Protein backbone atom coordinates (compact mmCIF):
# COMPACT_ATOMS: atom_id res chain seq x y z
CA UNK A 1 0.00 0.00 0.00
CA UNK A 2 1.32 3.44 -0.93
CA UNK A 3 2.01 5.73 2.04
CA UNK A 4 0.37 8.60 0.13
CA UNK A 5 -2.93 6.74 -0.22
CA UNK A 6 -4.61 8.79 2.51
CA UNK A 7 -4.21 11.83 0.28
CA UNK A 8 -5.83 10.17 -2.73
CA UNK A 9 -9.62 9.92 -2.74
CA UNK A 10 -11.41 6.88 -4.16
CA UNK A 11 -11.46 8.59 -7.57
CA UNK A 12 -7.69 8.13 -7.81
CA UNK A 13 -7.19 11.90 -8.12
CA UNK A 14 -5.06 13.77 -5.58
CA UNK A 15 -7.02 15.64 -2.91
CA UNK A 16 -7.21 19.38 -3.56
CA UNK A 17 -4.86 21.48 -1.46
CA UNK A 18 -6.43 23.50 1.33
CA UNK A 19 -5.48 27.09 0.55
CA UNK A 20 -7.63 28.71 3.22
CA UNK A 21 -5.93 31.01 5.69
CA UNK A 22 -8.66 30.68 8.33
CA UNK A 23 -10.49 27.71 9.79
CA UNK A 24 -14.03 27.30 8.48
CA UNK A 25 -16.74 26.35 10.96
CA UNK A 26 -20.11 24.80 10.14
CA UNK A 27 -22.83 27.46 10.28
CA UNK A 28 -26.21 27.74 8.60
CA UNK A 29 -27.69 31.17 7.92
CA UNK A 30 -29.46 32.84 5.03
CA UNK A 31 -27.52 35.06 2.66
CA UNK A 32 -29.19 37.80 0.59
CA UNK A 33 -27.56 39.09 -2.57
CA UNK A 34 -27.53 42.86 -3.12
CA UNK A 35 -27.75 42.73 -6.91
CA UNK A 36 -31.39 42.50 -7.94
CA UNK A 37 -30.64 39.91 -10.61
CA UNK A 38 -28.77 37.75 -8.08
CA UNK A 39 -31.53 38.05 -5.47
CA UNK A 40 -34.11 36.95 -8.02
CA UNK A 41 -32.11 34.04 -9.38
CA UNK A 42 -30.47 32.76 -6.21
CA UNK A 43 -33.78 31.81 -4.62
CA UNK A 44 -32.49 31.02 -1.17
CA UNK A 45 -28.80 30.81 -0.50
CA UNK A 46 -27.70 29.23 2.76
CA UNK A 47 -24.25 28.97 4.18
CA UNK A 48 -22.69 25.59 4.90
CA UNK A 49 -19.62 26.97 6.64
CA UNK A 50 -17.91 30.29 7.25
CA UNK A 51 -14.55 31.80 8.16
CA UNK A 52 -13.27 35.37 8.44
CA UNK A 53 -11.97 34.93 4.88
CA UNK A 54 -14.98 33.43 3.12
CA UNK A 55 -17.85 31.00 3.15
CA UNK A 56 -19.42 28.10 1.34
CA UNK A 57 -22.96 28.66 0.06
CA UNK A 58 -25.58 26.29 -1.21
CA UNK A 59 -27.43 27.97 -4.08
CA UNK A 60 -29.26 26.92 -7.21
CA UNK A 61 -27.92 29.88 -9.17
CA UNK A 62 -24.98 29.23 -11.46
CA UNK A 63 -21.89 31.36 -10.93
CA UNK A 64 -18.62 31.54 -12.78
CA UNK A 65 -15.36 31.42 -10.86
CA UNK A 66 -14.12 34.98 -10.45
CA UNK A 67 -17.60 36.56 -10.50
CA UNK A 68 -18.03 39.39 -7.98
CA UNK A 69 -20.86 39.13 -5.43
CA UNK A 70 -22.26 41.48 -2.80
CA UNK A 71 -24.23 39.99 0.05
CA UNK A 72 -25.98 40.77 3.30
CA UNK A 73 -26.04 38.21 6.07
CA UNK A 74 -26.90 38.02 9.75
CA UNK A 75 -24.89 35.61 11.88
CA UNK A 76 -25.65 35.21 15.56
CA UNK A 77 -27.48 38.55 15.55
CA UNK A 78 -24.59 40.43 13.85
CA UNK A 79 -25.31 42.00 10.46
CA UNK A 80 -22.68 42.05 7.71
CA UNK A 81 -22.66 43.64 4.24
CA UNK A 82 -19.79 42.01 2.38
CA UNK A 83 -18.23 41.82 -1.06
CA UNK A 84 -16.51 38.78 -2.45
CA UNK A 85 -15.62 36.75 -5.49
CA UNK A 86 -16.63 33.23 -6.40
CA UNK A 87 -13.53 31.13 -5.64
CA UNK A 88 -14.89 27.73 -6.71
CA UNK A 89 -18.07 26.08 -7.99
CA UNK A 90 -19.40 22.56 -7.40
CA UNK A 91 -22.42 22.23 -9.67
CA UNK A 92 -23.29 18.72 -8.53
CA UNK A 93 -23.59 19.90 -4.92
CA UNK A 94 -25.18 23.26 -5.84
CA UNK A 95 -22.43 24.90 -3.80
CA UNK A 96 -20.04 27.79 -4.32
CA UNK A 97 -17.12 29.11 -2.34
CA UNK A 98 -16.93 32.87 -1.78
CA UNK A 99 -13.70 34.62 -0.82
CA UNK A 100 -14.36 37.96 0.89
CA UNK A 101 -12.70 41.03 -0.64
CA UNK A 102 -12.45 44.66 0.44
CA UNK A 103 -13.33 43.79 4.05
CA UNK A 104 -12.46 46.36 6.69
CA UNK A 105 -10.30 45.25 9.61
CA UNK A 106 -13.20 46.12 11.91
CA UNK A 107 -15.60 43.82 10.01
CA UNK A 108 -12.98 41.05 9.85
CA UNK A 109 -12.43 41.24 13.62
CA UNK A 110 -16.18 41.35 14.29
CA UNK A 111 -16.79 38.36 12.03
CA UNK A 112 -13.95 36.45 13.71
CA UNK A 113 -15.52 37.12 17.14
CA UNK A 114 -18.85 35.73 15.88
CA UNK A 115 -17.13 32.66 14.42
CA UNK A 116 -15.23 32.09 17.68
CA UNK A 117 -18.56 32.17 19.57
CA UNK A 118 -20.00 29.55 17.16
CA UNK A 119 -17.03 27.22 17.76
CA UNK A 120 -17.70 27.14 21.53
């Protein structure tokens, strides 16, 4: 048995590298898109996990990697208005990864405090 086999999923392909800078924690909350066309097409978008650097969303809307998004979300009673870009897309799971961009240090610290409270 190859010692690298733990890194190779059943498909025989190497596991993707984890490039995240922050730990993601499971969290489910509704996300609203600021662009009218996104709000109409996204139906409901719910988070699967979140970090101070981004989140994973389940949505039926198709996005292209690199597409900009603006969203409003309330986590544990804290409201956030954030911008991001689509970092990855998994059509079969109806999921997308969003990397936050242009986030103030204040919002990043506030989001990290909320995430830390979820982890407890």
